[in-house]
Amino acid sequence: MNPRIKNVKPNSKDFTLTLTFQNGETGIFDVKPYLEIGIFKELKDPSLFNSVKPFMGSIQWKNGQDFCPDTLYLESNIQ
């Protein structure tokens, strides 16, 4: 099992998320590849994109969009 999300900071200028994992690692997750797919299209609105919060070890936006915590860890540029 990969580490879960502790904190998330949206970067709406480039549609990335700065993630802090429970193990102390940080990473950048690029949301841009998902912005043309289904419910993720709504995240092009910066105010909605900025509504992201940590949720049960992952993240979630106010309209219910979310990502699997394993995807967030495996596809993040861990720093």
C-alpha atoms as a PDB file:
ATOM      1  CA  MET A   1       0.000   0.000   0.000  1.00  0.00           C
ATOM      2  CA  ASN A   2       1.296   3.435  -0.949  1.00  0.00           C
ATOM      3  CA  PRO A   3       1.259   6.401   1.457  1.00  0.00           C
ATOM      4  CA  ARG A   4      -1.950   8.373   1.769  1.00  0.00           C
ATOM      5  CA  ILE A   5      -2.507  12.112   1.390  1.00  0.00           C
ATOM      6  CA  LYS A   6      -1.970  14.361   4.390  1.00  0.00           C
ATOM      7  CA  ASN A   7      -2.291  17.748   2.656  1.00  0.00           C
ATOM      8  CA  VAL A   8      -2.995  19.165  -0.801  1.00  0.00           C
ATOM      9  CA  LYS A   9      -2.288  22.590  -2.295  1.00  0.00           C
ATOM     10  CA  PRO A  10      -3.853  23.437  -5.679  1.00  0.00           C
ATOM     11  CA  ASN A  11      -1.751  25.256  -8.257  1.00  0.00           C
ATOM     12  CA  SER A  12      -4.498  26.545 -10.568  1.00  0.00           C
ATOM     13  CA  LYS A  13      -2.111  28.391 -12.899  1.00  0.00           C
ATOM     14  CA  ASP A  14      -0.790  25.085 -14.250  1.00  0.00           C
ATOM     15  CA  PHE A  15      -3.457  22.655 -12.962  1.00  0.00           C
ATOM     16  CA  THR A  16      -1.117  20.727 -10.715  1.00  0.00           C
ATOM     17  CA  LEU A  17      -1.452  19.705  -7.097  1.00  0.00           C
ATOM     18  CA  THR A  18       1.300  19.827  -4.510  1.00  0.00           C
ATOM     19  CA  LEU A  19       0.695  16.775  -2.343  1.00  0.00           C
ATOM     20  CA  THR A  20       2.093  15.954   1.077  1.00  0.00           C
ATOM     21  CA  PHE A  21       1.944  12.266   1.910  1.00  0.00           C
ATOM     22  CA  GLN A  22       1.673  10.748   5.378  1.00  0.00           C
ATOM     23  CA  ASN A  23       5.253   9.461   5.118  1.00  0.00           C
ATOM     24  CA  GLY A  24       6.538  13.056   4.780  1.00  0.00           C
ATOM     25  CA  GLU A  25       7.246  12.933   1.040  1.00  0.00           C
ATOM     26  CA  THR A  26       5.913  15.660  -1.224  1.00  0.00           C
ATOM     27  CA  GLY A  27       5.055  15.404  -4.880  1.00  0.00           C
ATOM     28  CA  ILE A  28       3.509  17.268  -7.783  1.00  0.00           C
ATOM     29  CA  PHE A  29       0.521  15.632  -9.486  1.00  0.00           C
ATOM     30  CA  ASP A  30      -0.420  16.952 -12.946  1.00  0.00           C
ATOM     31  CA  VAL A  31      -4.189  17.068 -13.432  1.00  0.00           C
ATOM     32  CA  LYS A  32      -3.992  18.432 -17.024  1.00  0.00           C
ATOM     33  CA  PRO A  33      -4.153  14.990 -18.721  1.00  0.00           C
ATOM     34  CA  TYR A  34      -7.544  14.397 -17.061  1.00  0.00           C
ATOM     35  CA  LEU A  35      -9.188  17.757 -17.856  1.00  0.00           C
ATOM     36  CA  GLU A  36     -10.812  16.482 -21.080  1.00  0.00           C
ATOM     37  CA  ILE A  37     -12.305  13.361 -19.475  1.00  0.00           C
ATOM     38  CA  GLY A  38     -15.859  13.171 -18.101  1.00  0.00           C
ATOM     39  CA  ILE A  39     -16.463  14.881 -14.774  1.00  0.00           C
ATOM     40  CA  PHE A  40     -12.891  16.176 -14.637  1.00  0.00           C
ATOM     41  CA  LYS A  41     -13.758  18.748 -17.366  1.00  0.00           C
ATOM     42  CA  GLU A  42     -15.401  20.850 -14.625  1.00  0.00           C
ATOM     43  CA  LEU A  43     -11.988  21.292 -12.985  1.00  0.00           C
ATOM     44  CA  LYS A  44     -10.972  23.722 -15.755  1.00  0.00           C
ATOM     45  CA  ASP A  45     -12.818  26.320 -13.663  1.00  0.00           C
ATOM     46  CA  PRO A  46     -10.103  27.671 -11.332  1.00  0.00           C
ATOM     47  CA  SER A  47     -12.536  28.265  -8.458  1.00  0.00           C
ATOM     48  CA  LEU A  48     -13.649  24.641  -8.585  1.00  0.00           C
ATOM     49  CA  PHE A  49     -10.070  23.396  -9.059  1.00  0.00           C
ATOM     50  CA  ASN A  50      -9.049  25.329  -5.941  1.00  0.00           C
ATOM     51  CA  SER A  51     -11.764  23.636  -3.855  1.00  0.00           C
ATOM     52  CA  VAL A  52      -9.720  20.420  -3.514  1.00  0.00           C
ATOM     53  CA  LYS A  53      -9.276  19.061   0.017  1.00  0.00           C
ATOM     54  CA  PRO A  54      -7.757  15.961   1.611  1.00  0.00           C
ATOM     55  CA  PHE A  55     -10.439  13.288   2.011  1.00  0.00           C
ATOM     56  CA  MET A  56     -10.083   9.855   3.623  1.00  0.00           C
ATOM     57  CA  GLY A  57      -6.419   9.451   2.627  1.00  0.00           C
ATOM     58  CA  SER A  58      -6.984  10.843  -0.855  1.00  0.00           C
ATOM     59  CA  ILE A  59      -8.331  14.129  -2.258  1.00  0.00           C
ATOM     60  CA  GLN A  60     -11.742  15.332  -3.341  1.00  0.00           C
ATOM     61  CA  TRP A  61     -13.228  18.424  -4.990  1.00  0.00           C
ATOM     62  CA  LYS A  62     -16.527  19.986  -3.923  1.00  0.00           C
ATOM     63  CA  ASN A  63     -18.384  18.421  -6.899  1.00  0.00           C
ATOM     64  CA  GLY A  64     -17.156  14.933  -5.950  1.00  0.00           C
ATOM     65  CA  GLN A  65     -14.237  14.421  -8.328  1.00  0.00           C
ATOM     66  CA  ASP A  66     -11.461  12.374  -6.766  1.00  0.00           C
ATOM     67  CA  PHE A  67      -8.431  10.232  -7.520  1.00  0.00           C
ATOM     68  CA  CYS A  68      -7.293   6.917  -6.122  1.00  0.00           C
ATOM     69  CA  PRO A  69      -4.559   7.581  -3.524  1.00  0.00           C
ATOM     70  CA  ASP A  70      -2.323   5.002  -5.235  1.00  0.00           C
ATOM     71  CA  THR A  71      -2.625   6.894  -8.533  1.00  0.00           C
ATOM     72  CA  LEU A  72      -1.718  10.124  -6.790  1.00  0.00           C
ATOM     73  CA  TYR A  73       1.414   8.597  -5.307  1.00  0.00           C
ATOM     74  CA  LEU A  74       2.554   6.588  -8.324  1.00  0.00           C
ATOM     75  CA  GLU A  75       1.976   9.404 -10.850  1.00  0.00           C
ATOM     76  CA  SER A  76       3.381  12.243  -8.733  1.00  0.00           C
ATOM     77  CA  ASN A  77       6.801  13.700  -9.255  1.00  0.00           C
ATOM     78  CA  ILE A  78       8.079  12.882  -5.750  1.00  0.00           C
ATOM     79  CA  GLN A  79      10.562  15.466  -4.520  1.00  0.00           C
END
